[in-house]
């Protein structure tokens, strides 16, 4: 069962309204006049970070990727819960965790520790408070909207490749991504739909289109890059950049710098159109966990 199939099966269990049908990055739980925003992401050695990578960087990335989901909801972080499997250098992990918590101004509230064999697997749950209602989701994009990005893609790809090659080039974008929390809070009031780009711009645009019942048309030449032009096609699919992707009315005065990269169209034959060509299959558009056949 692949990732999409497994999540589809889980939807039969996730019937609470807060789960948003498992079609979003976060759960949104109404509590009186407030909304609690919750997310949980896991990372595995050799999949989400390189074997032998500095555990301090791994800790940073674990925190940042979860907070990025809160950013896409315009939420203010309240705290995190850590699920930690002991590894090769737990002290370095703690040092990186302390740096990340301080940098993002978020407290550690608890969690669990385990030992195990094989590749290290880590998890983090992040909790936040919505700063705007309704809380943005992947759904809500409307025909006529413009599709925007908060910044370039491809930097994480180049950073990972630099680390693998040992060239000494800057790998910060891969090792220590930023969670765009302030940008997310500023954009929440104007976004019809919003999510972070974690699995690749094309695949995440496909997901927004599916959730919204529209077609997303992307003009690849308009996408800002943090990679050589010759790698444009790869950068659109690689992921791990954690920019915010949003659909909002054309002509808005954006509260933060934005890059228009496409348009939202009425639903056609495909959820995604790239440079005029309909993409009829999400395979190859970004990163998806394969699961077992």
Protein backbone atom coordinates (compact mmCIF):
# COMPACT_ATOMS: atom_id res chain seq x y z
CA UNK A 1 0.00 0.00 0.00
CA UNK A 2 1.45 3.38 -0.97
CA UNK A 3 1.19 6.60 1.02
CA UNK A 4 -1.91 7.86 -0.79
CA UNK A 5 -3.70 4.53 -0.40
CA UNK A 6 -2.92 4.28 3.30
CA UNK A 7 -4.11 7.82 4.00
CA UNK A 8 -7.26 7.12 2.02
CA UNK A 9 -7.96 4.13 4.25
CA UNK A 10 -7.33 6.21 7.38
CA UNK A 11 -10.02 8.67 6.34
CA UNK A 12 -12.66 6.13 7.36
CA UNK A 13 -11.32 6.43 10.93
CA UNK A 14 -10.75 10.19 11.00
CA UNK A 15 -14.37 11.27 11.19
CA UNK A 16 -14.01 14.13 13.68
CA UNK A 17 -14.45 17.55 12.03
CA UNK A 18 -11.08 18.66 13.43
CA UNK A 19 -9.35 16.11 11.20
CA UNK A 20 -10.50 18.00 8.08
CA UNK A 21 -10.92 14.69 6.31
CA UNK A 22 -7.13 14.17 6.43
CA UNK A 23 -7.01 16.45 3.40
CA UNK A 24 -4.96 19.15 5.12
CA UNK A 25 -1.58 19.59 6.83
CA UNK A 26 -3.02 20.09 10.31
CA UNK A 27 -5.99 19.29 12.50
CA UNK A 28 -8.02 22.29 13.64
CA UNK A 29 -9.87 21.81 16.92
CA UNK A 30 -12.39 24.45 17.98
CA UNK A 31 -12.21 25.27 21.69
CA UNK A 32 -14.76 27.88 22.58
CA UNK A 33 -13.81 31.03 20.73
CA UNK A 34 -10.31 29.73 19.92
CA UNK A 35 -8.97 27.19 17.44
CA UNK A 36 -6.15 24.82 18.38
CA UNK A 37 -3.98 23.80 15.40
CA UNK A 38 -2.15 20.46 15.70
CA UNK A 39 0.32 18.68 13.46
CA UNK A 40 2.68 15.70 13.70
CA UNK A 41 5.56 14.87 11.37
CA UNK A 42 8.09 12.06 11.59
CA UNK A 43 11.59 11.82 10.11
CA UNK A 44 13.63 8.71 9.31
CA UNK A 45 17.39 8.47 8.87
CA UNK A 46 18.27 7.87 5.25
CA UNK A 47 14.92 9.25 4.06
CA UNK A 48 14.50 12.72 5.56
CA UNK A 49 18.11 13.26 6.56
CA UNK A 50 21.41 11.73 5.52
CA UNK A 51 23.04 8.89 7.46
CA UNK A 52 25.73 10.36 9.69
CA UNK A 53 24.32 13.90 9.46
CA UNK A 54 24.99 16.18 12.42
CA UNK A 55 22.23 15.39 14.98
CA UNK A 56 22.01 19.09 15.85
CA UNK A 57 20.89 19.81 12.29
CA UNK A 58 18.45 16.88 12.44
CA UNK A 59 16.87 18.33 15.59
CA UNK A 60 16.54 21.74 13.95
CA UNK A 61 14.90 20.26 10.86
CA UNK A 62 12.48 18.19 12.94
CA UNK A 63 11.26 21.30 14.73
CA UNK A 64 11.23 23.53 11.65
CA UNK A 65 9.28 21.14 9.43
CA UNK A 66 6.51 20.75 11.98
CA UNK A 67 6.33 24.48 12.64
CA UNK A 68 6.13 25.01 8.88
CA UNK A 69 2.77 23.22 8.91
CA UNK A 70 1.59 25.65 11.60
CA UNK A 71 2.87 28.53 9.47
CA UNK A 72 0.65 27.42 6.60
CA UNK A 73 -2.35 27.75 8.93
CA UNK A 74 -1.32 31.20 10.15
CA UNK A 75 -0.92 29.73 13.64
CA UNK A 76 1.20 30.94 16.54
CA UNK A 77 3.13 28.02 18.10
CA UNK A 78 2.22 27.06 21.66
CA UNK A 79 4.65 24.17 22.15
CA UNK A 80 5.98 20.85 20.88
CA UNK A 81 6.06 17.23 22.04
CA UNK A 82 9.09 15.14 21.08
CA UNK A 83 9.23 11.44 20.20
CA UNK A 84 12.93 10.52 20.36
CA UNK A 85 14.75 7.31 19.47
CA UNK A 86 18.25 7.29 20.99
CA UNK A 87 20.98 7.65 18.39
CA UNK A 88 24.70 8.01 17.92
CA UNK A 89 25.10 11.42 19.58
CA UNK A 90 22.18 12.38 21.78
CA UNK A 91 24.05 15.38 23.23
CA UNK A 92 24.39 16.95 19.78
CA UNK A 93 20.69 16.40 19.15
CA UNK A 94 19.87 18.17 22.40
CA UNK A 95 22.11 21.09 21.44
CA UNK A 96 20.32 21.49 18.11
CA UNK A 97 16.93 21.12 19.75
CA UNK A 98 17.77 23.92 22.18
CA UNK A 99 18.87 26.15 19.30
CA UNK A 100 15.69 25.51 17.32
CA UNK A 101 13.35 26.05 20.27
CA UNK A 102 15.07 29.35 21.02
CA UNK A 103 15.12 30.49 17.40
CA UNK A 104 11.41 29.82 16.88
CA UNK A 105 10.39 30.91 20.40
CA UNK A 106 8.55 27.67 21.14
CA UNK A 107 8.64 25.62 24.37
CA UNK A 108 9.16 21.89 24.72
CA UNK A 109 6.12 20.53 26.58
CA UNK A 110 6.91 16.81 26.81
CA UNK A 111 7.07 13.65 24.73
CA UNK A 112 8.62 10.18 24.92
CA UNK A 113 11.97 8.44 24.44
CA UNK A 114 12.66 4.94 23.15
CA UNK A 115 15.58 2.75 22.13
CA UNK A 116 15.56 0.66 19.00
CA UNK A 117 17.57 -1.05 16.30
CA UNK A 118 18.09 -0.03 12.70
CA UNK A 119 17.58 3.41 11.25
CA UNK A 120 16.66 6.16 13.68
CA UNK A 121 13.06 7.42 13.50
CA UNK A 122 12.01 10.67 15.19
CA UNK A 123 8.66 12.37 15.64
CA UNK A 124 7.39 15.75 16.78
CA UNK A 125 3.92 17.08 17.52
CA UNK A 126 3.45 20.83 17.27
CA UNK A 127 0.54 22.73 18.77
CA UNK A 128 -0.49 26.24 17.82
CA UNK A 129 -3.23 28.80 18.23
CA UNK A 130 -5.00 30.10 15.14
CA UNK A 131 -4.57 33.84 14.61
CA UNK A 132 -7.20 34.14 11.89
CA UNK A 133 -10.58 32.53 11.30
CA UNK A 134 -11.36 30.66 9.17
CA UNK A 135 -8.05 28.82 9.47
CA UNK A 136 -6.56 28.46 5.96
CA UNK A 137 -6.56 24.99 4.44
CA UNK A 138 -5.49 23.33 1.21
CA UNK A 139 -9.09 23.71 0.10
CA UNK A 140 -10.59 27.08 -0.81
CA UNK A 141 -8.67 28.03 -3.95
CA UNK A 142 -11.08 29.73 -6.36
CA UNK A 143 -11.05 30.14 -10.15
CA UNK A 144 -9.54 33.51 -10.92
CA UNK A 145 -7.14 33.39 -7.97
CA UNK A 146 -3.43 33.84 -8.50
CA UNK A 147 -1.04 31.15 -7.26
CA UNK A 148 1.81 32.59 -5.21
CA UNK A 149 5.05 31.40 -3.61
CA UNK A 150 6.85 33.13 -0.77
CA UNK A 151 10.32 32.35 -2.15
CA UNK A 152 12.53 30.16 -4.33
CA UNK A 153 12.62 26.39 -4.57
CA UNK A 154 15.58 24.13 -5.27
CA UNK A 155 17.82 25.30 -2.44
CA UNK A 156 17.31 22.17 -0.35
CA UNK A 157 18.04 19.99 -3.38
CA UNK A 158 21.32 21.77 -4.01
CA UNK A 159 22.23 21.63 -0.31
CA UNK A 160 21.58 17.89 -0.08
CA UNK A 161 23.63 17.23 -3.19
CA UNK A 162 26.48 19.36 -1.84
CA UNK A 163 26.50 17.34 1.38
CA UNK A 164 26.45 14.05 -0.51
CA UNK A 165 29.30 15.18 -2.76
CA UNK A 166 31.30 16.70 0.10
CA UNK A 167 31.97 19.85 -1.91
CA UNK A 168 31.75 22.19 1.06
CA UNK A 169 29.15 24.37 -0.67
CA UNK A 170 26.41 25.97 1.42
CA UNK A 171 23.89 23.34 2.52
CA UNK A 172 21.93 25.42 5.02
CA UNK A 173 18.67 25.25 3.06
CA UNK A 174 18.65 21.46 3.42
CA UNK A 175 20.09 21.19 6.93
CA UNK A 176 18.28 24.04 8.66
CA UNK A 177 15.14 25.15 6.84
CA UNK A 178 13.11 28.11 8.08
CA UNK A 179 9.54 27.88 9.25
CA UNK A 180 7.84 30.99 7.83
CA UNK A 181 5.67 31.64 10.88
CA UNK A 182 5.45 35.43 10.64
CA UNK A 183 4.75 35.23 6.92
CA UNK A 184 2.00 32.67 7.48
CA UNK A 185 0.27 34.83 10.08
CA UNK A 186 0.45 37.84 7.75
CA UNK A 187 -0.92 35.89 4.77
CA UNK A 188 -3.72 34.00 6.53
CA UNK A 189 -6.25 36.87 6.18
CA UNK A 190 -5.75 37.11 2.37
CA UNK A 191 -5.24 33.44 1.44
CA UNK A 192 -8.14 31.45 0.03
CA UNK A 193 -5.94 28.33 0.38
CA UNK A 194 -2.44 27.85 1.78
CA UNK A 195 0.05 25.05 2.45
CA UNK A 196 3.80 24.63 2.72
CA UNK A 197 5.92 23.14 -0.05
CA UNK A 198 7.42 20.05 1.54
CA UNK A 199 7.14 17.36 -1.15
CA UNK A 200 7.71 19.42 -4.29
CA UNK A 201 5.94 22.42 -5.82
CA UNK A 202 4.19 20.38 -8.50
CA UNK A 203 2.93 17.63 -6.21
CA UNK A 204 1.82 20.06 -3.52
CA UNK A 205 0.03 22.18 -6.15
CA UNK A 206 -1.72 19.01 -7.33
CA UNK A 207 -2.83 18.39 -3.74
CA UNK A 208 -4.17 21.92 -3.37
CA UNK A 209 -6.07 21.55 -6.63
CA UNK A 210 -7.56 18.22 -5.54
CA UNK A 211 -8.64 19.59 -2.18
CA UNK A 212 -10.14 22.71 -3.76
CA UNK A 213 -11.81 21.05 -6.76
CA UNK A 214 -9.98 23.30 -9.23
CA UNK A 215 -7.17 23.15 -11.75
CA UNK A 216 -3.86 24.79 -10.94
CA UNK A 217 -1.98 26.13 -13.97
CA UNK A 218 1.72 26.77 -13.32
CA UNK A 219 4.09 28.67 -15.58
CA UNK A 220 7.42 27.09 -14.74
CA UNK A 221 9.50 30.04 -15.97
CA UNK A 222 7.85 32.24 -13.32
CA UNK A 223 8.96 30.03 -10.42
CA UNK A 224 11.90 31.57 -8.53
CA UNK A 225 14.86 29.23 -8.21
CA UNK A 226 17.67 28.69 -5.72
CA UNK A 227 19.27 26.28 -8.20
CA UNK A 228 20.84 26.54 -11.67
CA UNK A 229 18.41 27.11 -14.53
CA UNK A 230 19.37 23.72 -15.97
CA UNK A 231 17.91 22.11 -12.85
CA UNK A 232 14.53 23.89 -13.05
CA UNK A 233 12.52 20.73 -13.71
CA UNK A 234 14.19 18.96 -10.79
CA UNK A 235 13.69 21.93 -8.44
CA UNK A 236 9.94 21.97 -9.14
CA UNK A 237 9.73 18.35 -7.93
CA UNK A 238 12.35 18.02 -5.18
CA UNK A 239 10.70 19.52 -2.11
CA UNK A 240 12.10 20.27 1.37
CA UNK A 241 12.11 24.03 0.70
CA UNK A 242 9.18 24.87 3.04
CA UNK A 243 8.09 27.95 1.15
CA UNK A 244 4.41 28.81 1.51
CA UNK A 245 2.14 28.18 -1.48
CA UNK A 246 -1.10 30.11 -1.55
CA UNK A 247 -4.06 30.93 -3.71
CA UNK A 248 -5.27 34.50 -3.25
CA UNK A 249 -7.15 37.10 -5.28
CA UNK A 250 -5.17 38.63 -8.10
CA UNK A 251 -4.12 42.21 -7.48
CA UNK A 252 -3.93 42.01 -3.69
CA UNK A 253 -1.42 44.19 -1.89
CA UNK A 254 0.56 41.35 -0.29
CA UNK A 255 1.66 41.86 3.31
CA UNK A 256 4.93 40.02 2.53
CA UNK A 257 6.88 39.61 -0.74
CA UNK A 258 5.23 37.06 -3.03
CA UNK A 259 6.04 35.52 -6.41
CA UNK A 260 3.13 34.83 -8.78
CA UNK A 261 3.73 31.43 -10.40
CA UNK A 262 0.36 30.53 -11.91
CA UNK A 263 -3.40 30.78 -11.83
CA UNK A 264 -6.38 28.90 -10.47
CA UNK A 265 -8.79 27.71 -13.18
CA UNK A 266 -12.15 25.94 -13.10
CA UNK A 267 -11.64 22.21 -12.77
CA UNK A 268 -10.71 20.65 -16.08
CA UNK A 269 -9.53 17.22 -17.12
CA UNK A 270 -6.52 17.36 -14.77
CA UNK A 271 -5.82 19.01 -11.39
CA UNK A 272 -2.52 20.39 -12.70
CA UNK A 273 -1.49 22.07 -15.93
CA UNK A 274 2.23 22.76 -16.37
CA UNK A 275 3.19 25.16 -19.16
CA UNK A 276 -0.04 24.33 -20.96
CA UNK A 277 0.32 20.53 -20.64
CA UNK A 278 -2.15 18.60 -18.47
CA UNK A 279 -0.52 16.44 -15.80
CA UNK A 280 -2.79 13.41 -15.45
CA UNK A 281 -0.81 11.43 -12.85
CA UNK A 282 0.81 12.68 -9.63
CA UNK A 283 3.59 10.09 -9.96
CA UNK A 284 6.82 11.88 -10.72
CA UNK A 285 5.57 15.28 -9.57
CA UNK A 286 7.27 15.15 -6.17
CA UNK A 287 8.20 12.96 -3.24
CA UNK A 288 5.77 10.27 -2.11
CA UNK A 289 6.48 7.46 0.35
CA UNK A 290 6.20 4.18 -1.53
CA UNK A 291 5.14 1.88 1.31
CA UNK A 292 5.00 -1.79 0.41
CA UNK A 293 3.68 -3.24 -2.87
